[in-house]
Amino acid sequence: MGKKTDKRKIVGLVCEESGHRHYYTKKNTMNTPDKLRLKKYNPVLRKHTWYAETKKNLGRNEVKPRKG
């Protein structure tokens, strides 16, 4: 798997409209300390929607409110 000094973390992406988590990705926490927000395809709604970053091991699929 990853080394201890690995800067990349695995994060889950949760749909802001439906609340489902369909995608996982890695991000470099040194270069992008902010939360990711990407527009990706939602297979349930069958359209492109905004996905927000959550922890990989989050038990419930909730989008936390943004501070800014």
PDB file of N, CA and C in Angstrom:
ATOM      1  N   MET A   1       0.839  -1.179   0.000  1.00  0.00           N
ATOM      2  CA  MET A   1       0.000   0.000   0.000  1.00  0.00           C
ATOM      3  C   MET A   1       0.884   1.241   0.000  1.00  0.00           C
ATOM      4  N   GLY A   2       0.527   2.224   0.838  1.00  0.00           N
ATOM      5  CA  GLY A   2       1.281   3.472   0.866  1.00  0.00           C
ATOM      6  C   GLY A   2       2.339   3.470   1.941  1.00  0.00           C
ATOM      7  N   LYS A   3       3.341   4.287   1.737  1.00  0.00           N
ATOM      8  CA  LYS A   3       4.397   4.437   2.732  1.00  0.00           C
ATOM      9  C   LYS A   3       3.928   5.362   3.840  1.00  0.00           C
ATOM     10  N   LYS A   4       4.674   5.375   4.939  1.00  0.00           N
ATOM     11  CA  LYS A   4       4.326   6.290   6.031  1.00  0.00           C
ATOM     12  C   LYS A   4       4.508   7.741   5.633  1.00  0.00           C
ATOM     13  N   THR A   5       5.467   8.004   4.772  1.00  0.00           N
ATOM     14  CA  THR A   5       5.747   9.381   4.364  1.00  0.00           C
ATOM     15  C   THR A   5       4.938   9.800   3.140  1.00  0.00           C
ATOM     16  N   ASP A   6       3.998   8.979   2.724  1.00  0.00           N
ATOM     17  CA  ASP A   6       3.193   9.285   1.544  1.00  0.00           C
ATOM     18  C   ASP A   6       2.292  10.482   1.823  1.00  0.00           C
ATOM     19  N   LYS A   7       2.359  11.494   0.967  1.00  0.00           N
ATOM     20  CA  LYS A   7       1.576  12.720   1.148  1.00  0.00           C
ATOM     21  C   LYS A   7       0.161  12.582   0.596  1.00  0.00           C
ATOM     22  N   ARG A   8      -0.076  11.554  -0.198  1.00  0.00           N
ATOM     23  CA  ARG A   8      -1.387  11.381  -0.812  1.00  0.00           C
ATOM     24  C   ARG A   8      -2.315  10.623   0.119  1.00  0.00           C
ATOM     25  N   LYS A   9      -3.539  11.126   0.251  1.00  0.00           N
ATOM     26  CA  LYS A   9      -4.558  10.504   1.092  1.00  0.00           C
ATOM     27  C   LYS A   9      -5.732  10.079   0.214  1.00  0.00           C
ATOM     28  N   ILE A  10      -6.382   8.984   0.591  1.00  0.00           N
ATOM     29  CA  ILE A  10      -7.572   8.530  -0.128  1.00  0.00           C
ATOM     30  C   ILE A  10      -8.781   9.243   0.462  1.00  0.00           C
ATOM     31  N   VAL A  11      -9.588   9.856  -0.398  1.00  0.00           N
ATOM     32  CA  VAL A  11     -10.784  10.565   0.036  1.00  0.00           C
ATOM     33  C   VAL A  11     -11.974  10.062  -0.778  1.00  0.00           C
ATOM     34  N   GLY A  12     -13.141  10.096  -0.165  1.00  0.00           N
ATOM     35  CA  GLY A  12     -14.374   9.744  -0.847  1.00  0.00           C
ATOM     36  C   GLY A  12     -15.055  10.997  -1.350  1.00  0.00           C
ATOM     37  N   LEU A  13     -15.780  10.860  -2.452  1.00  0.00           N
ATOM     38  CA  LEU A  13     -16.524  11.984  -3.012  1.00  0.00           C
ATOM     39  C   LEU A  13     -18.014  11.684  -2.887  1.00  0.00           C
ATOM     40  N   VAL A  14     -18.753  12.581  -2.217  1.00  0.00           N
ATOM     41  CA  VAL A  14     -20.178  12.405  -1.965  1.00  0.00           C
ATOM     42  C   VAL A  14     -20.954  13.412  -2.802  1.00  0.00           C
ATOM     43  N   CYS A  15     -22.012  12.931  -3.438  1.00  0.00           N
ATOM     44  CA  CYS A  15     -22.862  13.793  -4.255  1.00  0.00           C
ATOM     45  C   CYS A  15     -23.609  14.770  -3.353  1.00  0.00           C
ATOM     46  N   GLU A  16     -23.618  16.034  -3.734  1.00  0.00           N
ATOM     47  CA  GLU A  16     -24.302  17.048  -2.936  1.00  0.00           C
ATOM     48  C   GLU A  16     -25.815  16.999  -3.119  1.00  0.00           C
ATOM     49  N   GLU A  17     -26.297  16.423  -4.213  1.00  0.00           N
ATOM     50  CA  GLU A  17     -27.745  16.360  -4.452  1.00  0.00           C
ATOM     51  C   GLU A  17     -28.372  15.108  -3.855  1.00  0.00           C
ATOM     52  N   SER A  18     -27.773  13.946  -4.117  1.00  0.00           N
ATOM     53  CA  SER A  18     -28.389  12.693  -3.665  1.00  0.00           C
ATOM     54  C   SER A  18     -27.779  12.164  -2.373  1.00  0.00           C
ATOM     55  N   GLY A  19     -26.545  12.535  -2.045  1.00  0.00           N
ATOM     56  CA  GLY A  19     -25.903  12.061  -0.832  1.00  0.00           C
ATOM     57  C   GLY A  19     -25.207  10.720  -0.984  1.00  0.00           C
ATOM     58  N   HIS A  20     -25.168  10.173  -2.189  1.00  0.00           N
ATOM     59  CA  HIS A  20     -24.496   8.907  -2.419  1.00  0.00           C
ATOM     60  C   HIS A  20     -23.009   9.126  -2.648  1.00  0.00           C
ATOM     61  N   ARG A  21     -22.227   8.134  -2.233  1.00  0.00           N
ATOM     62  CA  ARG A  21     -20.775   8.208  -2.440  1.00  0.00           C
ATOM     63  C   ARG A  21     -20.413   7.185  -3.508  1.00  0.00           C
ATOM     64  N   HIS A  22     -20.089   7.663  -4.715  1.00  0.00           N
ATOM     65  CA  HIS A  22     -19.772   6.783  -5.831  1.00  0.00           C
ATOM     66  C   HIS A  22     -18.293   6.760  -6.170  1.00  0.00           C
ATOM     67  N   TYR A  23     -17.566   7.793  -5.837  1.00  0.00           N
ATOM     68  CA  TYR A  23     -16.192   7.930  -6.298  1.00  0.00           C
ATOM     69  C   TYR A  23     -15.222   8.034  -5.133  1.00  0.00           C
ATOM     70  N   TYR A  24     -14.029   7.484  -5.344  1.00  0.00           N
ATOM     71  CA  TYR A  24     -12.903   7.627  -4.424  1.00  0.00           C
ATOM     72  C   TYR A  24     -11.729   8.120  -5.238  1.00  0.00           C
ATOM     73  N   THR A  25     -10.900   8.950  -4.638  1.00  0.00           N
ATOM     74  CA  THR A  25      -9.738   9.474  -5.328  1.00  0.00           C
ATOM     75  C   THR A  25      -8.630   9.728  -4.325  1.00  0.00           C
ATOM     76  N   LYS A  26      -7.435   9.959  -4.831  1.00  0.00           N
ATOM     77  CA  LYS A  26      -6.310  10.325  -3.977  1.00  0.00           C
ATOM     78  C   LYS A  26      -6.025  11.798  -4.194  1.00  0.00           C
ATOM     79  N   LYS A  27      -5.602  12.477  -3.125  1.00  0.00           N
ATOM     80  CA  LYS A  27      -5.215  13.874  -3.285  1.00  0.00           C
ATOM     81  C   LYS A  27      -3.964  14.138  -2.468  1.00  0.00           C
ATOM     82  N   ASN A  28      -3.151  15.030  -2.953  1.00  0.00           N
ATOM     83  CA  ASN A  28      -1.935  15.424  -2.265  1.00  0.00           C
ATOM     84  C   ASN A  28      -2.306  16.528  -1.274  1.00  0.00           C
ATOM     85  N   THR A  29      -2.191  16.231   0.019  1.00  0.00           N
ATOM     86  CA  THR A  29      -2.618  17.184   1.036  1.00  0.00           C
ATOM     87  C   THR A  29      -1.676  18.369   1.160  1.00  0.00           C
ATOM     88  N   MET A  30      -0.464  18.236   0.667  1.00  0.00           N
ATOM     89  CA  MET A  30       0.468  19.369   0.715  1.00  0.00           C
ATOM     90  C   MET A  30       0.106  20.418  -0.332  1.00  0.00           C
ATOM     91  N   ASN A  31      -0.292  19.986  -1.516  1.00  0.00           N
ATOM     92  CA  ASN A  31      -0.609  20.923  -2.596  1.00  0.00           C
ATOM     93  C   ASN A  31      -2.032  21.458  -2.504  1.00  0.00           C
ATOM     94  N   THR A  32      -2.975  20.641  -2.044  1.00  0.00           N
ATOM     95  CA  THR A  32      -4.375  21.052  -1.971  1.00  0.00           C
ATOM     96  C   THR A  32      -4.904  20.801  -0.562  1.00  0.00           C
ATOM     97  N   PRO A  33      -4.678  21.726   0.352  1.00  0.00           N
ATOM     98  CA  PRO A  33      -5.168  21.525   1.721  1.00  0.00           C
ATOM     99  C   PRO A  33      -6.684  21.719   1.845  1.00  0.00           C
ATOM    100  N   ASP A  34      -7.307  22.425   0.892  1.00  0.00           N
ATOM    101  CA  ASP A  34      -8.751  22.648   0.931  1.00  0.00           C
ATOM    102  C   ASP A  34      -9.486  21.383   0.499  1.00  0.00           C
ATOM    103  N   LYS A  35     -10.787  21.365   0.770  1.00  0.00           N
ATOM    104  CA  LYS A  35     -11.600  20.222   0.356  1.00  0.00           C
ATOM    105  C   LYS A  35     -11.825  20.263  -1.147  1.00  0.00           C
ATOM    106  N   LEU A  36     -11.820  19.076  -1.751  1.00  0.00           N
ATOM    107  CA  LEU A  36     -12.083  18.972  -3.180  1.00  0.00           C
ATOM    108  C   LEU A  36     -13.572  19.150  -3.445  1.00  0.00           C
ATOM    109  N   ARG A  37     -13.874  19.724  -4.588  1.00  0.00           N
ATOM    110  CA  ARG A  37     -15.256  19.825  -5.053  1.00  0.00           C
ATOM    111  C   ARG A  37     -15.203  19.687  -6.567  1.00  0.00           C
ATOM    112  N   LEU A  38     -15.672  18.529  -7.066  1.00  0.00           N
ATOM    113  CA  LEU A  38     -15.568  18.214  -8.474  1.00  0.00           C
ATOM    114  C   LEU A  38     -16.940  17.942  -9.059  1.00  0.00           C
ATOM    115  N   LYS A  39     -17.075  18.210 -10.351  1.00  0.00           N
ATOM    116  CA  LYS A  39     -18.311  17.905 -11.049  1.00  0.00           C
ATOM    117  C   LYS A  39     -18.110  16.583 -11.774  1.00  0.00           C
ATOM    118  N   LYS A  40     -18.888  15.559 -11.362  1.00  0.00           N
ATOM    119  CA  LYS A  40     -18.742  14.225 -11.911  1.00  0.00           C
ATOM    120  C   LYS A  40     -20.121  13.654 -12.243  1.00  0.00           C
ATOM    121  N   TYR A  41     -20.122  12.551 -12.969  1.00  0.00           N
ATOM    122  CA  TYR A  41     -21.371  11.919 -13.396  1.00  0.00           C
ATOM    123  C   TYR A  41     -21.971  11.109 -12.263  1.00  0.00           C
ATOM    124  N   ASN A  42     -23.270  11.304 -12.010  1.00  0.00           N
ATOM    125  CA  ASN A  42     -23.996  10.538 -10.999  1.00  0.00           C
ATOM    126  C   ASN A  42     -24.832   9.485 -11.721  1.00  0.00           C
ATOM    127  N   PRO A  43     -24.519   8.189 -11.551  1.00  0.00           N
ATOM    128  CA  PRO A  43     -25.264   7.155 -12.274  1.00  0.00           C
ATOM    129  C   PRO A  43     -26.695   6.976 -11.775  1.00  0.00           C
ATOM    130  N   VAL A  44     -27.001   7.371 -10.553  1.00  0.00           N
ATOM    131  CA  VAL A  44     -28.364   7.239 -10.036  1.00  0.00           C
ATOM    132  C   VAL A  44     -29.264   8.310 -10.653  1.00  0.00           C
ATOM    133  N   LEU A  45     -28.808   9.552 -10.629  1.00  0.00           N
ATOM    134  CA  LEU A  45     -29.587  10.652 -11.200  1.00  0.00           C
ATOM    135  C   LEU A  45     -29.418  10.770 -12.714  1.00  0.00           C
ATOM    136  N   ARG A  46     -28.393  10.103 -13.255  1.00  0.00           N
ATOM    137  CA  ARG A  46     -28.055  10.116 -14.683  1.00  0.00           C
ATOM    138  C   ARG A  46     -27.801  11.521 -15.214  1.00  0.00           C
ATOM    139  N   LYS A  47     -27.011  12.275 -14.454  1.00  0.00           N
ATOM    140  CA  LYS A  47     -26.580  13.600 -14.902  1.00  0.00           C
ATOM    141  C   LYS A  47     -25.317  13.982 -14.138  1.00  0.00           C
ATOM    142  N   HIS A  48     -24.665  15.038 -14.551  1.00  0.00           N
ATOM    143  CA  HIS A  48     -23.468  15.520 -13.873  1.00  0.00           C
ATOM    144  C   HIS A  48     -23.881  16.381 -12.682  1.00  0.00           C
ATOM    145  N   THR A  49     -23.280  16.098 -11.512  1.00  0.00           N
ATOM    146  CA  THR A  49     -23.587  16.831 -10.291  1.00  0.00           C
ATOM    147  C   THR A  49     -22.282  17.152  -9.573  1.00  0.00           C
ATOM    148  N   TRP A  50     -22.371  18.006  -8.570  1.00  0.00           N
ATOM    149  CA  TRP A  50     -21.193  18.383  -7.780  1.00  0.00           C
ATOM    150  C   TRP A  50     -20.949  17.337  -6.700  1.00  0.00           C
ATOM    151  N   TYR A  51     -19.692  16.957  -6.538  1.00  0.00           N
ATOM    152  CA  TYR A  51     -19.264  16.011  -5.511  1.00  0.00           C
ATOM    153  C   TYR A  51     -18.307  16.715  -4.571  1.00  0.00           C
ATOM    154  N   ALA A  52     -18.491  16.517  -3.254  1.00  0.00           N
ATOM    155  CA  ALA A  52     -17.637  17.130  -2.241  1.00  0.00           C
ATOM    156  C   ALA A  52     -16.821  16.048  -1.543  1.00  0.00           C
ATOM    157  N   GLU A  53     -15.677  16.442  -1.034  1.00  0.00           N
ATOM    158  CA  GLU A  53     -14.761  15.509  -0.389  1.00  0.00           C
ATOM    159  C   GLU A  53     -15.214  15.154   1.019  1.00  0.00           C
ATOM    160  N   THR A  54     -15.098  13.869   1.371  1.00  0.00           N
ATOM    161  CA  THR A  54     -15.287  13.392   2.729  1.00  0.00           C
ATOM    162  C   THR A  54     -14.167  12.393   3.017  1.00  0.00           C
ATOM    163  N   LYS A  55     -14.098  11.924   4.245  1.00  0.00           N
ATOM    164  CA  LYS A  55     -13.117  10.904   4.579  1.00  0.00           C
ATOM    165  C   LYS A  55     -13.509   9.587   3.931  1.00  0.00           C
ATOM    166  N   LYS A  56     -12.519   8.755   3.675  1.00  0.00           N
ATOM    167  CA  LYS A  56     -12.796   7.465   3.038  1.00  0.00           C
ATOM    168  C   LYS A  56     -13.601   6.563   3.952  1.00  0.00           C
ATOM    169  N   ASN A  57     -13.301   6.560   5.245  1.00  0.00           N
ATOM    170  CA  ASN A  57     -13.932   5.630   6.155  1.00  0.00           C
ATOM    171  C   ASN A  57     -15.156   6.214   6.851  1.00  0.00           C
ATOM    172  N   LEU A  58     -15.751   7.243   6.287  1.00  0.00           N
ATOM    173  CA  LEU A  58     -16.929   7.851   6.890  1.00  0.00           C
ATOM    174  C   LEU A  58     -18.084   6.863   6.816  1.00  0.00           C
ATOM    175  N   GLY A  59     -18.698   6.581   7.959  1.00  0.00           N
ATOM    176  CA  GLY A  59     -19.758   5.581   8.016  1.00  0.00           C
ATOM    177  C   GLY A  59     -21.025   6.026   7.335  1.00  0.00           C
ATOM    178  N   ARG A  60     -21.357   7.295   7.385  1.00  0.00           N
ATOM    179  CA  ARG A  60     -22.570   7.782   6.743  1.00  0.00           C
ATOM    180  C   ARG A  60     -22.183   8.749   5.637  1.00  0.00           C
ATOM    181  N   ASN A  61     -22.984   8.790   4.628  1.00  0.00           N
ATOM    182  CA  ASN A  61     -22.686   9.607   3.456  1.00  0.00           C
ATOM    183  C   ASN A  61     -23.297  10.983   3.632  1.00  0.00           C
ATOM    184  N   GLU A  62     -22.610  11.850   4.366  1.00  0.00           N
ATOM    185  CA  GLU A  62     -23.105  13.203   4.607  1.00  0.00           C
ATOM    186  C   GLU A  62     -22.111  14.199   4.063  1.00  0.00           C
ATOM    187  N   VAL A  63     -22.626  15.277   3.549  1.00  0.00           N
ATOM    188  CA  VAL A  63     -21.777  16.369   3.089  1.00  0.00           C
ATOM    189  C   VAL A  63     -21.729  17.396   4.196  1.00  0.00           C
ATOM    190  N   LYS A  64     -20.540  17.704   4.670  1.00  0.00           N
ATOM    191  CA  LYS A  64     -20.409  18.704   5.732  1.00  0.00           C
ATOM    192  C   LYS A  64     -20.484  20.094   5.114  1.00  0.00           C
ATOM    193  N   PRO A  65     -21.127  21.049   5.785  1.00  0.00           N
ATOM    194  CA  PRO A  65     -21.254  22.394   5.204  1.00  0.00           C
ATOM    195  C   PRO A  65     -19.893  23.067   5.080  1.00  0.00           C
ATOM    196  N   ARG A  66     -19.737  23.822   4.005  1.00  0.00           N
ATOM    197  CA  ARG A  66     -18.488  24.537   3.760  1.00  0.00           C
ATOM    198  C   ARG A  66     -18.464  25.807   4.591  1.00  0.00           C
ATOM    199  N   LYS A  67     -17.260  26.229   4.986  1.00  0.00           N
ATOM    200  CA  LYS A  67     -17.127  27.396   5.869  1.00  0.00           C
ATOM    201  C   LYS A  67     -17.061  28.715   5.117  1.00  0.00           C
ATOM    202  N   GLY A  68     -16.924  28.708   3.842  1.00  0.00           N
ATOM    203  CA  GLY A  68     -16.705  29.990   3.202  1.00  0.00           C
ATOM    204  C   GLY A  68     -17.668  30.368   2.219  1.00  0.00           C
TER     205      GLY A  68
END
